[in-house]
Amino acid sequence: MALAIAAVIASVVSAGATIYSSKQAADAQEEQNEIQSAQQKLNDVSSARRKVKEARVARARLMQSSEAAGTSGSSGESGALSSLNTQLSGNLAVMTGQANTANALSAVRQDLSDSQFVTGTIGAVAGVAQSIFTQQAAKIPTASVDTSVQGSQASGYTGSAFSSWANKQ
């Protein structure tokens, strides 16, 4: 009896340790995802600023060369400026898409971590339940049934019906 109680206690302690460890791992994964997300946002802001700066420099060069050539305000200059604006908008849209993808991946990783925590908790609880049920099953008395020939004959069965059938075959 004491051994059974010790086994159940060990199982409960093991389950508690598993749940605690799983929770720490899930928390660490969440913190890692938050740090990666913040780093990605910083990279995105920096990259967007760099793209805007490059577009301004290109616009200034275009306007300067247009002034120098005497074509300032022409349709060529307007078309070139529009093209620069379109390129900048496209680049910023791609960066936004990449940021959204990174955020979605981070959320999926967090969901996976949460699911693994729940799975570990369920497994630990199942282990405790199995241990308890195994210990309880060991306490259930079993009937001792004599299956020997002597036991059969003692209960009135002689086996002659089978012997006579077997001899006829």
Protein backbone atom coordinates (compact mmCIF):
# COMPACT_ATOMS: atom_id res chain seq x y z
CA MET A 1 0.00 0.00 0.00
CA ALA A 2 2.79 2.41 0.90
CA LEU A 3 4.53 1.61 -2.38
CA ALA A 4 1.36 2.42 -4.31
CA ILE A 5 0.98 5.75 -2.53
CA ALA A 6 4.64 6.57 -3.19
CA ALA A 7 4.17 5.75 -6.89
CA VAL A 8 1.15 8.05 -7.13
CA ILE A 9 3.01 10.85 -5.33
CA ALA A 10 5.99 10.44 -7.65
CA SER A 11 3.67 10.54 -10.63
CA VAL A 12 1.98 13.72 -9.40
CA VAL A 13 5.34 15.40 -8.71
CA SER A 14 6.59 14.37 -12.15
CA ALA A 15 3.45 15.73 -13.78
CA GLY A 16 3.82 19.01 -11.89
CA ALA A 17 7.43 19.33 -12.98
CA THR A 18 6.47 18.60 -16.59
CA ILE A 19 3.71 21.20 -16.53
CA TYR A 20 5.99 23.80 -14.92
CA SER A 21 8.77 23.13 -17.44
CA SER A 22 6.33 23.28 -20.35
CA LYS A 23 4.96 26.60 -19.06
CA GLN A 24 8.47 28.05 -18.80
CA ALA A 25 9.24 26.92 -22.35
CA ALA A 26 5.99 28.47 -23.63
CA ASP A 27 6.75 31.74 -21.83
CA ALA A 28 10.29 31.81 -23.24
CA GLN A 29 8.93 31.16 -26.74
CA GLU A 30 6.44 34.01 -26.34
CA GLU A 31 9.20 36.37 -25.19
CA GLN A 32 11.39 35.32 -28.11
CA ASN A 33 8.53 35.98 -30.54
CA GLU A 34 7.95 39.44 -29.03
CA ILE A 35 11.65 40.31 -29.31
CA GLN A 36 11.79 39.10 -32.92
CA SER A 37 8.66 41.07 -33.74
CA ALA A 38 10.10 44.25 -32.19
CA GLN A 39 13.38 43.74 -34.07
CA GLN A 40 11.48 43.22 -37.32
CA LYS A 41 9.54 46.45 -36.74
CA LEU A 42 12.78 48.37 -36.15
CA ASN A 43 14.25 46.90 -39.34
CA ASP A 44 11.11 47.79 -41.27
CA VAL A 45 11.12 51.40 -40.04
CA SER A 46 14.81 51.76 -40.84
CA SER A 47 14.36 50.27 -44.28
CA ALA A 48 11.36 52.49 -45.01
CA ARG A 49 13.33 55.59 -44.01
CA ARG A 50 16.19 54.49 -46.24
CA LYS A 51 13.82 53.98 -49.21
CA VAL A 52 12.21 57.38 -48.68
CA LYS A 53 15.64 59.02 -48.45
CA GLU A 54 16.77 57.29 -51.66
CA ALA A 55 13.60 58.48 -53.41
CA ARG A 56 14.16 62.07 -52.24
CA VAL A 57 17.77 62.00 -53.47
CA ALA A 58 16.66 60.58 -56.82
CA ARG A 59 13.92 63.21 -57.06
CA ALA A 60 16.38 66.00 -56.26
CA ARG A 61 18.85 64.74 -58.90
CA LEU A 62 16.09 64.48 -61.46
CA MET A 63 14.87 67.99 -60.73
CA GLN A 64 18.44 69.36 -60.80
CA SER A 65 19.25 67.74 -64.10
CA SER A 66 15.90 68.90 -65.46
CA GLU A 67 16.73 72.47 -64.39
CA ALA A 68 20.16 72.23 -65.96
CA ALA A 69 18.70 70.92 -69.21
CA GLY A 70 16.02 73.58 -69.26
CA THR A 71 13.20 71.04 -69.16
CA SER A 72 11.90 71.87 -65.72
CA GLY A 73 8.14 71.38 -65.50
CA SER A 74 8.04 69.33 -68.69
CA SER A 75 5.99 66.19 -69.13
CA GLY A 76 9.23 64.17 -69.13
CA GLU A 77 10.14 65.48 -65.73
CA SER A 78 6.60 64.86 -64.42
CA GLY A 79 6.65 61.31 -65.78
CA ALA A 80 10.04 60.61 -64.21
CA LEU A 81 8.87 62.00 -60.83
CA SER A 82 5.70 59.92 -61.02
CA SER A 83 7.80 56.86 -61.76
CA LEU A 84 9.95 57.54 -58.68
CA ASN A 85 6.83 57.90 -56.53
CA THR A 86 5.39 54.66 -57.92
CA GLN A 87 8.63 52.80 -57.23
CA LEU A 88 8.72 54.13 -53.69
CA SER A 89 5.09 53.16 -53.09
CA GLY A 90 5.76 49.68 -54.46
CA ASN A 91 8.82 49.23 -52.27
CA LEU A 92 6.91 50.36 -49.18
CA ALA A 93 4.02 48.01 -50.03
CA VAL A 94 6.43 45.06 -50.34
CA MET A 95 7.97 45.95 -47.00
CA THR A 96 4.52 46.12 -45.41
CA GLY A 97 3.67 42.71 -46.84
CA GLN A 98 6.90 41.27 -45.47
CA ALA A 99 6.17 42.76 -42.05
CA ASN A 100 2.65 41.30 -42.08
CA THR A 101 4.04 37.90 -43.05
CA ALA A 102 6.61 38.04 -40.25
CA ASN A 103 3.89 38.96 -37.75
CA ALA A 104 1.67 36.10 -38.96
CA LEU A 105 4.56 33.63 -38.63
CA SER A 106 5.24 34.88 -35.14
CA ALA A 107 1.60 34.36 -34.20
CA VAL A 108 1.64 30.84 -35.64
CA ARG A 109 4.82 30.01 -33.70
CA GLN A 110 3.15 31.26 -30.52
CA ASP A 111 0.04 29.17 -31.21
CA LEU A 112 2.28 26.13 -31.74
CA SER A 113 4.06 26.80 -28.47
CA ASP A 114 0.75 27.17 -26.65
CA SER A 115 -0.54 23.93 -28.18
CA GLN A 116 2.61 22.09 -27.14
CA PHE A 117 2.12 23.37 -23.59
CA VAL A 118 -1.47 22.14 -23.52
CA THR A 119 -0.42 18.78 -24.98
CA GLY A 120 2.29 18.40 -22.35
CA THR A 121 -0.16 19.26 -19.59
CA ILE A 122 -2.69 16.74 -20.86
CA GLY A 123 0.03 14.10 -21.11
CA ALA A 124 1.16 14.76 -17.55
CA VAL A 125 -2.40 14.56 -16.21
CA ALA A 126 -2.98 11.37 -18.19
CA GLY A 127 0.17 9.88 -16.68
CA VAL A 128 -1.08 10.65 -13.18
CA ALA A 129 -4.49 9.16 -13.98
CA GLN A 130 -2.90 6.06 -15.43
CA SER A 131 -0.75 5.66 -12.34
CA ILE A 132 -3.75 6.00 -10.05
CA PHE A 133 -5.88 3.60 -12.07
CA THR A 134 -3.05 1.08 -12.28
CA GLN A 135 -2.66 1.21 -8.52
CA GLN A 136 -6.42 0.81 -8.01
CA ALA A 137 -6.58 -2.08 -10.48
CA ALA A 138 -3.93 -3.90 -8.48
CA LYS A 139 -6.24 -3.76 -5.46
CA ILE A 140 -9.17 -5.47 -7.21
CA PRO A 141 -9.41 -9.06 -6.01
CA THR A 142 -9.39 -11.75 -8.66
CA ALA A 143 -11.17 -15.05 -8.35
CA SER A 144 -8.95 -18.08 -8.20
CA VAL A 145 -10.48 -20.60 -10.57
CA ASP A 146 -9.06 -24.10 -10.79
CA THR A 147 -8.79 -24.89 -14.48
CA SER A 148 -7.06 -28.21 -14.11
CA VAL A 149 -8.59 -31.55 -15.06
CA GLN A 150 -9.05 -32.37 -11.38
CA GLY A 151 -10.95 -29.13 -10.86
CA SER A 152 -13.19 -29.95 -13.82
CA GLN A 153 -13.86 -33.43 -12.55
CA ALA A 154 -14.45 -32.15 -9.01
CA SER A 155 -17.20 -29.93 -10.37
CA GLY A 156 -18.90 -32.92 -12.03
CA TYR A 157 -17.54 -32.63 -15.55
CA THR A 158 -15.95 -35.90 -16.63
CA GLY A 159 -14.90 -35.02 -20.12
CA SER A 160 -16.55 -38.18 -21.43
CA ALA A 161 -18.75 -36.23 -23.84
CA PHE A 162 -15.71 -34.79 -25.53
CA SER A 163 -13.85 -38.11 -25.47
CA SER A 164 -16.73 -39.97 -27.06
CA TRP A 165 -17.06 -37.27 -29.74
CA ALA A 166 -13.31 -37.32 -30.43
CA ASN A 167 -13.28 -41.12 -30.74
CA LYS A 168 -16.02 -41.00 -33.38
CA GLN A 169 -14.02 -38.76 -35.61
